[in-house]
Amino acid sequence: NLTASLEISINGISRIKEMKIDWQNAGGIEYHFIGRADISMSDFDIDPPSPALGMVKVNDSITVSFNYSVKSEEISRLD
């Protein structure tokens, strides 16, 4: 596992988020990086929507996830 500081920008507002990232070598110089983090919409000045004329409340928390494949000889030190 890796830990990374990622900058997430939403609604013109940027925040730094620490995320744990799983990685695996897919063979040769190809790697897969997978991560996810829970963030609050209110941290980005977003009011959670309230459909059905406010009778339904939506949680302030959302999950951001990613799954990247990278091919590069420069990160081969991860082996």
PDB file of N, CA and C in Angstrom:
ATOM      1  N   ASN A   1       0.830  -1.194   0.000  1.00  0.00           N
ATOM      2  CA  ASN A   1       0.000   0.000   0.000  1.00  0.00           C
ATOM      3  C   ASN A   1       0.869   1.251   0.000  1.00  0.00           C
ATOM      4  N   LEU A   2       0.357   2.297  -0.632  1.00  0.00           N
ATOM      5  CA  LEU A   2       1.004   3.605  -0.654  1.00  0.00           C
ATOM      6  C   LEU A   2       0.061   4.605   0.001  1.00  0.00           C
ATOM      7  N   THR A   3       0.618   5.697   0.471  1.00  0.00           N
ATOM      8  CA  THR A   3      -0.198   6.815   0.925  1.00  0.00           C
ATOM      9  C   THR A   3       0.193   8.010   0.075  1.00  0.00           C
ATOM     10  N   ALA A   4      -0.814   8.713  -0.450  1.00  0.00           N
ATOM     11  CA  ALA A   4      -0.551   9.864  -1.308  1.00  0.00           C
ATOM     12  C   ALA A   4      -1.388  11.047  -0.856  1.00  0.00           C
ATOM     13  N   SER A   5      -0.859  12.234  -1.077  1.00  0.00           N
ATOM     14  CA  SER A   5      -1.614  13.465  -0.871  1.00  0.00           C
ATOM     15  C   SER A   5      -2.118  13.894  -2.243  1.00  0.00           C
ATOM     16  N   LEU A   6      -3.422  13.877  -2.407  1.00  0.00           N
ATOM     17  CA  LEU A   6      -4.012  14.232  -3.687  1.00  0.00           C
ATOM     18  C   LEU A   6      -4.793  15.532  -3.548  1.00  0.00           C
ATOM     19  N   GLU A   7      -4.700  16.374  -4.568  1.00  0.00           N
ATOM     20  CA  GLU A   7      -5.484  17.599  -4.599  1.00  0.00           C
ATOM     21  C   GLU A   7      -6.769  17.326  -5.364  1.00  0.00           C
ATOM     22  N   ILE A   8      -7.897  17.532  -4.705  1.00  0.00           N
ATOM     23  CA  ILE A   8      -9.209  17.322  -5.311  1.00  0.00           C
ATOM     24  C   ILE A   8      -9.848  18.690  -5.479  1.00  0.00           C
ATOM     25  N   SER A   9     -10.265  19.001  -6.715  1.00  0.00           N
ATOM     26  CA  SER A   9     -10.912  20.281  -7.007  1.00  0.00           C
ATOM     27  C   SER A   9     -12.346  20.041  -7.444  1.00  0.00           C
ATOM     28  N   ILE A  10     -13.275  20.665  -6.749  1.00  0.00           N
ATOM     29  CA  ILE A  10     -14.701  20.582  -7.068  1.00  0.00           C
ATOM     30  C   ILE A  10     -15.292  21.966  -6.853  1.00  0.00           C
ATOM     31  N   ASN A  11     -16.100  22.405  -7.775  1.00  0.00           N
ATOM     32  CA  ASN A  11     -16.822  23.666  -7.605  1.00  0.00           C
ATOM     33  C   ASN A  11     -15.859  24.850  -7.440  1.00  0.00           C
ATOM     34  N   GLY A  12     -14.672  24.745  -8.061  1.00  0.00           N
ATOM     35  CA  GLY A  12     -13.682  25.815  -7.979  1.00  0.00           C
ATOM     36  C   GLY A  12     -12.910  25.864  -6.676  1.00  0.00           C
ATOM     37  N   ILE A  13     -13.093  24.873  -5.812  1.00  0.00           N
ATOM     38  CA  ILE A  13     -12.414  24.821  -4.510  1.00  0.00           C
ATOM     39  C   ILE A  13     -11.534  23.581  -4.478  1.00  0.00           C
ATOM     40  N   SER A  14     -10.285  23.758  -4.057  1.00  0.00           N
ATOM     41  CA  SER A  14      -9.339  22.646  -3.983  1.00  0.00           C
ATOM     42  C   SER A  14      -9.035  22.297  -2.537  1.00  0.00           C
ATOM     43  N   ARG A  15      -8.940  21.017  -2.275  1.00  0.00           N
ATOM     44  CA  ARG A  15      -8.574  20.508  -0.952  1.00  0.00           C
ATOM     45  C   ARG A  15      -7.555  19.376  -1.142  1.00  0.00           C
ATOM     46  N   ILE A  16      -6.639  19.274  -0.190  1.00  0.00           N
ATOM     47  CA  ILE A  16      -5.675  18.177  -0.188  1.00  0.00           C
ATOM     48  C   ILE A  16      -6.256  17.053   0.651  1.00  0.00           C
ATOM     49  N   LYS A  17      -6.224  15.842   0.117  1.00  0.00           N
ATOM     50  CA  LYS A  17      -6.775  14.667   0.816  1.00  0.00           C
ATOM     51  C   LYS A  17      -5.719  13.571   0.835  1.00  0.00           C
ATOM     52  N   GLU A  18      -5.451  13.040   2.019  1.00  0.00           N
ATOM     53  CA  GLU A  18      -4.560  11.883   2.149  1.00  0.00           C
ATOM     54  C   GLU A  18      -5.352  10.632   1.782  1.00  0.00           C
ATOM     55  N   MET A  19      -4.800   9.811   0.909  1.00  0.00           N
ATOM     56  CA  MET A  19      -5.492   8.591   0.470  1.00  0.00           C
ATOM     57  C   MET A  19      -4.538   7.414   0.508  1.00  0.00           C
ATOM     58  N   LYS A  20      -5.072   6.281   0.898  1.00  0.00           N
ATOM     59  CA  LYS A  20      -4.329   5.025   0.785  1.00  0.00           C
ATOM     60  C   LYS A  20      -4.576   4.487  -0.625  1.00  0.00           C
ATOM     61  N   ILE A  21      -3.518   4.055  -1.266  1.00  0.00           N
ATOM     62  CA  ILE A  21      -3.602   3.579  -2.644  1.00  0.00           C
ATOM     63  C   ILE A  21      -3.026   2.174  -2.717  1.00  0.00           C
ATOM     64  N   ASP A  22      -3.795   1.262  -3.269  1.00  0.00           N
ATOM     65  CA  ASP A  22      -3.308  -0.091  -3.535  1.00  0.00           C
ATOM     66  C   ASP A  22      -2.726  -0.103  -4.934  1.00  0.00           C
ATOM     67  N   TRP A  23      -1.660  -0.844  -5.118  1.00  0.00           N
ATOM     68  CA  TRP A  23      -1.073  -0.948  -6.446  1.00  0.00           C
ATOM     69  C   TRP A  23      -0.655  -2.383  -6.690  1.00  0.00           C
ATOM     70  N   GLN A  24      -0.559  -2.718  -7.943  1.00  0.00           N
ATOM     71  CA  GLN A  24      -0.048  -4.037  -8.315  1.00  0.00           C
ATOM     72  C   GLN A  24       0.618  -3.952  -9.671  1.00  0.00           C
ATOM     73  N   ASN A  25       1.647  -4.754  -9.822  1.00  0.00           N
ATOM     74  CA  ASN A  25       2.335  -4.837 -11.098  1.00  0.00           C
ATOM     75  C   ASN A  25       1.528  -5.757 -11.995  1.00  0.00           C
ATOM     76  N   ALA A  26       1.138  -5.241 -13.153  1.00  0.00           N
ATOM     77  CA  ALA A  26       0.337  -6.023 -14.095  1.00  0.00           C
ATOM     78  C   ALA A  26       1.224  -6.729 -15.101  1.00  0.00           C
ATOM     79  N   GLY A  27       2.510  -6.684 -14.904  1.00  0.00           N
ATOM     80  CA  GLY A  27       3.455  -7.339 -15.802  1.00  0.00           C
ATOM     81  C   GLY A  27       4.326  -6.303 -16.494  1.00  0.00           C
ATOM     82  N   GLY A  28       5.637  -6.546 -16.484  1.00  0.00           N
ATOM     83  CA  GLY A  28       6.543  -5.620 -17.152  1.00  0.00           C
ATOM     84  C   GLY A  28       6.510  -4.245 -16.527  1.00  0.00           C
ATOM     85  N   ILE A  29       6.235  -3.248 -17.359  1.00  0.00           N
ATOM     86  CA  ILE A  29       6.240  -1.867 -16.894  1.00  0.00           C
ATOM     87  C   ILE A  29       4.824  -1.314 -16.692  1.00  0.00           C
ATOM     88  N   GLU A  30       3.823  -2.199 -16.583  1.00  0.00           N
ATOM     89  CA  GLU A  30       2.447  -1.751 -16.392  1.00  0.00           C
ATOM     90  C   GLU A  30       2.038  -1.951 -14.935  1.00  0.00           C
ATOM     91  N   TYR A  31       1.460  -0.902 -14.364  1.00  0.00           N
ATOM     92  CA  TYR A  31       1.018  -0.921 -12.970  1.00  0.00           C
ATOM     93  C   TYR A  31      -0.424  -0.449 -12.888  1.00  0.00           C
ATOM     94  N   HIS A  32      -1.128  -0.959 -11.894  1.00  0.00           N
ATOM     95  CA  HIS A  32      -2.496  -0.524 -11.615  1.00  0.00           C
ATOM     96  C   HIS A  32      -2.508   0.135 -10.241  1.00  0.00           C
ATOM     97  N   PHE A  33      -3.125   1.321 -10.165  1.00  0.00           N
ATOM     98  CA  PHE A  33      -3.274   2.058  -8.917  1.00  0.00           C
ATOM     99  C   PHE A  33      -4.759   2.226  -8.644  1.00  0.00           C
ATOM    100  N   ILE A  34      -5.197   1.822  -7.451  1.00  0.00           N
ATOM    101  CA  ILE A  34      -6.611   1.868  -7.087  1.00  0.00           C
ATOM    102  C   ILE A  34      -6.737   2.561  -5.734  1.00  0.00           C
ATOM    103  N   GLY A  35      -7.650   3.516  -5.652  1.00  0.00           N
ATOM    104  CA  GLY A  35      -7.834   4.217  -4.383  1.00  0.00           C
ATOM    105  C   GLY A  35      -9.232   4.793  -4.271  1.00  0.00           C
ATOM    106  N   ARG A  36      -9.584   5.168  -3.055  1.00  0.00           N
ATOM    107  CA  ARG A  36     -10.879   5.803  -2.803  1.00  0.00           C
ATOM    108  C   ARG A  36     -10.790   6.602  -1.520  1.00  0.00           C
ATOM    109  N   ALA A  37     -11.609   7.638  -1.455  1.00  0.00           N
ATOM    110  CA  ALA A  37     -11.643   8.486  -0.261  1.00  0.00           C
ATOM    111  C   ALA A  37     -13.041   9.043  -0.102  1.00  0.00           C
ATOM    112  N   ASP A  38     -13.456   9.180   1.140  1.00  0.00           N
ATOM    113  CA  ASP A  38     -14.729   9.820   1.442  1.00  0.00           C
ATOM    114  C   ASP A  38     -14.465  11.299   1.685  1.00  0.00           C
ATOM    115  N   ILE A  39     -15.242  12.152   1.037  1.00  0.00           N
ATOM    116  CA  ILE A  39     -15.126  13.590   1.233  1.00  0.00           C
ATOM    117  C   ILE A  39     -16.506  14.160   1.533  1.00  0.00           C
ATOM    118  N   SER A  40     -16.530  15.341   2.087  1.00  0.00           N
ATOM    119  CA  SER A  40     -17.794  16.007   2.405  1.00  0.00           C
ATOM    120  C   SER A  40     -18.077  17.073   1.357  1.00  0.00           C
ATOM    121  N   MET A  41     -19.306  17.097   0.854  1.00  0.00           N
ATOM    122  CA  MET A  41     -19.685  18.114  -0.115  1.00  0.00           C
ATOM    123  C   MET A  41     -19.560  19.508   0.494  1.00  0.00           C
ATOM    124  N   SER A  42     -19.864  19.628   1.777  1.00  0.00           N
ATOM    125  CA  SER A  42     -19.800  20.935   2.433  1.00  0.00           C
ATOM    126  C   SER A  42     -18.379  21.500   2.454  1.00  0.00           C
ATOM    127  N   ASP A  43     -17.346  20.636   2.396  1.00  0.00           N
ATOM    128  CA  ASP A  43     -15.960  21.116   2.315  1.00  0.00           C
ATOM    129  C   ASP A  43     -15.706  21.871   1.019  1.00  0.00           C
ATOM    130  N   PHE A  44     -16.556  21.667   0.020  1.00  0.00           N
ATOM    131  CA  PHE A  44     -16.417  22.318  -1.283  1.00  0.00           C
ATOM    132  C   PHE A  44     -17.565  23.303  -1.537  1.00  0.00           C
ATOM    133  N   ASP A  45     -18.170  23.770  -0.458  1.00  0.00           N
ATOM    134  CA  ASP A  45     -19.286  24.727  -0.511  1.00  0.00           C
ATOM    135  C   ASP A  45     -20.453  24.231  -1.362  1.00  0.00           C
ATOM    136  N   ILE A  46     -20.746  22.944  -1.261  1.00  0.00           N
ATOM    137  CA  ILE A  46     -21.884  22.350  -1.966  1.00  0.00           C
ATOM    138  C   ILE A  46     -22.910  21.927  -0.927  1.00  0.00           C
ATOM    139  N   ASP A  47     -24.119  22.408  -1.070  1.00  0.00           N
ATOM    140  CA  ASP A  47     -25.204  21.965  -0.203  1.00  0.00           C
ATOM    141  C   ASP A  47     -25.737  20.647  -0.737  1.00  0.00           C
ATOM    142  N   PRO A  48     -25.834  19.618   0.094  1.00  0.00           N
ATOM    143  CA  PRO A  48     -26.394  18.350  -0.378  1.00  0.00           C
ATOM    144  C   PRO A  48     -27.795  18.571  -0.938  1.00  0.00           C
ATOM    145  N   PRO A  49     -28.102  17.931  -2.054  1.00  0.00           N
ATOM    146  CA  PRO A  49     -29.438  18.114  -2.634  1.00  0.00           C
ATOM    147  C   PRO A  49     -30.522  17.563  -1.706  1.00  0.00           C
ATOM    148  N   SER A  50     -31.706  18.120  -1.819  1.00  0.00           N
ATOM    149  CA  SER A  50     -32.833  17.616  -1.025  1.00  0.00           C
ATOM    150  C   SER A  50     -34.038  17.451  -1.959  1.00  0.00           C
ATOM    151  N   PRO A  51     -34.099  16.293  -2.645  1.00  0.00           N
ATOM    152  CA  PRO A  51     -35.203  16.044  -3.577  1.00  0.00           C
ATOM    153  C   PRO A  51     -36.541  15.873  -2.855  1.00  0.00           C
ATOM    154  N   ALA A  52     -37.606  15.801  -3.608  1.00  0.00           N
ATOM    155  CA  ALA A  52     -38.967  15.598  -3.084  1.00  0.00           C
ATOM    156  C   ALA A  52     -39.365  16.717  -2.122  1.00  0.00           C
ATOM    157  N   LEU A  53     -39.056  17.962  -2.549  1.00  0.00           N
ATOM    158  CA  LEU A  53     -39.410  19.144  -1.763  1.00  0.00           C
ATOM    159  C   LEU A  53     -38.845  19.103  -0.342  1.00  0.00           C
ATOM    160  N   GLY A  54     -37.652  18.534  -0.194  1.00  0.00           N
ATOM    161  CA  GLY A  54     -36.990  18.493   1.108  1.00  0.00           C
ATOM    162  C   GLY A  54     -37.389  17.336   1.986  1.00  0.00           C
ATOM    163  N   MET A  55     -38.273  16.471   1.498  1.00  0.00           N
ATOM    164  CA  MET A  55     -38.704  15.330   2.316  1.00  0.00           C
ATOM    165  C   MET A  55     -37.633  14.239   2.374  1.00  0.00           C
ATOM    166  N   VAL A  56     -36.711  14.258   1.416  1.00  0.00           N
ATOM    167  CA  VAL A  56     -35.617  13.283   1.383  1.00  0.00           C
ATOM    168  C   VAL A  56     -34.319  14.047   1.610  1.00  0.00           C
ATOM    169  N   LYS A  57     -33.539  13.618   2.561  1.00  0.00           N
ATOM    170  CA  LYS A  57     -32.254  14.246   2.840  1.00  0.00           C
ATOM    171  C   LYS A  57     -31.136  13.365   2.281  1.00  0.00           C
ATOM    172  N   VAL A  58     -30.142  14.007   1.700  1.00  0.00           N
ATOM    173  CA  VAL A  58     -29.000  13.308   1.118  1.00  0.00           C
ATOM    174  C   VAL A  58     -27.807  13.510   2.037  1.00  0.00           C
ATOM    175  N   ASN A  59     -27.037  12.465   2.241  1.00  0.00           N
ATOM    176  CA  ASN A  59     -25.853  12.516   3.085  1.00  0.00           C
ATOM    177  C   ASN A  59     -24.842  13.505   2.500  1.00  0.00           C
ATOM    178  N   ASP A  60     -24.119  14.204   3.354  1.00  0.00           N
ATOM    179  CA  ASP A  60     -23.096  15.170   2.949  1.00  0.00           C
ATOM    180  C   ASP A  60     -21.851  14.470   2.394  1.00  0.00           C
ATOM    181  N   SER A  61     -21.672  13.197   2.700  1.00  0.00           N
ATOM    182  CA  SER A  61     -20.474  12.458   2.318  1.00  0.00           C
ATOM    183  C   SER A  61     -20.618  11.823   0.929  1.00  0.00           C
ATOM    184  N   ILE A  62     -19.560  11.943   0.125  1.00  0.00           N
ATOM    185  CA  ILE A  62     -19.499  11.249  -1.166  1.00  0.00           C
ATOM    186  C   ILE A  62     -18.172  10.506  -1.237  1.00  0.00           C
ATOM    187  N   THR A  63     -18.112   9.480  -2.055  1.00  0.00           N
ATOM    188  CA  THR A  63     -16.897   8.691  -2.223  1.00  0.00           C
ATOM    189  C   THR A  63     -16.298   8.968  -3.587  1.00  0.00           C
ATOM    190  N   VAL A  64     -15.016   9.328  -3.589  1.00  0.00           N
ATOM    191  CA  VAL A  64     -14.261   9.532  -4.819  1.00  0.00           C
ATOM    192  C   VAL A  64     -13.374   8.305  -4.982  1.00  0.00           C
ATOM    193  N   SER A  65     -13.444   7.676  -6.147  1.00  0.00           N
ATOM    194  CA  SER A  65     -12.600   6.494  -6.376  1.00  0.00           C
ATOM    195  C   SER A  65     -11.936   6.592  -7.738  1.00  0.00           C
ATOM    196  N   PHE A  66     -10.803   5.900  -7.852  1.00  0.00           N
ATOM    197  CA  PHE A  66     -10.104   5.867  -9.133  1.00  0.00           C
ATOM    198  C   PHE A  66      -9.434   4.521  -9.334  1.00  0.00           C
ATOM    199  N   ASN A  67      -9.175   4.231 -10.597  1.00  0.00           N
ATOM    200  CA  ASN A  67      -8.502   3.000 -10.998  1.00  0.00           C
ATOM    201  C   ASN A  67      -7.684   3.338 -12.240  1.00  0.00           C
ATOM    202  N   TYR A  68      -6.373   3.520 -12.073  1.00  0.00           N
ATOM    203  CA  TYR A  68      -5.496   3.922 -13.167  1.00  0.00           C
ATOM    204  C   TYR A  68      -4.562   2.790 -13.559  1.00  0.00           C
ATOM    205  N   SER A  69      -4.300   2.712 -14.846  1.00  0.00           N
ATOM    206  CA  SER A  69      -3.256   1.838 -15.365  1.00  0.00           C
ATOM    207  C   SER A  69      -2.162   2.734 -15.919  1.00  0.00           C
ATOM    208  N   VAL A  70      -0.919   2.441 -15.542  1.00  0.00           N
ATOM    209  CA  VAL A  70       0.213   3.268 -15.943  1.00  0.00           C
ATOM    210  C   VAL A  70       1.291   2.373 -16.528  1.00  0.00           C
ATOM    211  N   LYS A  71       1.854   2.820 -17.638  1.00  0.00           N
ATOM    212  CA  LYS A  71       3.006   2.131 -18.212  1.00  0.00           C
ATOM    213  C   LYS A  71       4.175   3.107 -18.200  1.00  0.00           C
ATOM    214  N   SER A  72       5.206   2.767 -17.453  1.00  0.00           N
ATOM    215  CA  SER A  72       6.373   3.637 -17.372  1.00  0.00           C
ATOM    216  C   SER A  72       7.538   2.886 -16.779  1.00  0.00           C
ATOM    217  N   GLU A  73       8.689   3.065 -17.371  1.00  0.00           N
ATOM    218  CA  GLU A  73       9.899   2.446 -16.814  1.00  0.00           C
ATOM    219  C   GLU A  73      10.377   3.192 -15.590  1.00  0.00           C
ATOM    220  N   GLU A  74       9.943   4.457 -15.417  1.00  0.00           N
ATOM    221  CA  GLU A  74      10.424   5.266 -14.311  1.00  0.00           C
ATOM    222  C   GLU A  74       9.900   4.794 -12.964  1.00  0.00           C
ATOM    223  N   ILE A  75       8.782   4.061 -12.910  1.00  0.00           N
ATOM    224  CA  ILE A  75       8.264   3.599 -11.618  1.00  0.00           C
ATOM    225  C   ILE A  75       8.588   2.124 -11.388  1.00  0.00           C
ATOM    226  N   SER A  76       9.513   1.563 -12.166  1.00  0.00           N
ATOM    227  CA  SER A  76       9.829   0.152 -12.012  1.00  0.00           C
ATOM    228  C   SER A  76      10.461  -0.121 -10.650  1.00  0.00           C
ATOM    229  N   ARG A  77      10.883   0.924  -9.920  1.00  0.00           N
ATOM    230  CA  ARG A  77      11.462   0.722  -8.586  1.00  0.00           C
ATOM    231  C   ARG A  77      10.437   0.193  -7.589  1.00  0.00           C
ATOM    232  N   LEU A  78       9.141   0.166  -7.941  1.00  0.00           N
ATOM    233  CA  LEU A  78       8.103  -0.348  -7.047  1.00  0.00           C
ATOM    234  C   LEU A  78       8.119  -1.867  -6.971  1.00  0.00           C
ATOM    235  N   ASP A  79       8.851  -2.540  -7.865  1.00  0.00           N
ATOM    236  CA  ASP A  79       8.916  -4.009  -7.851  1.00  0.00           C
ATOM    237  C   ASP A  79       9.511  -4.522  -6.563  1.00  0.00           C
TER     238      ASP A  79
END
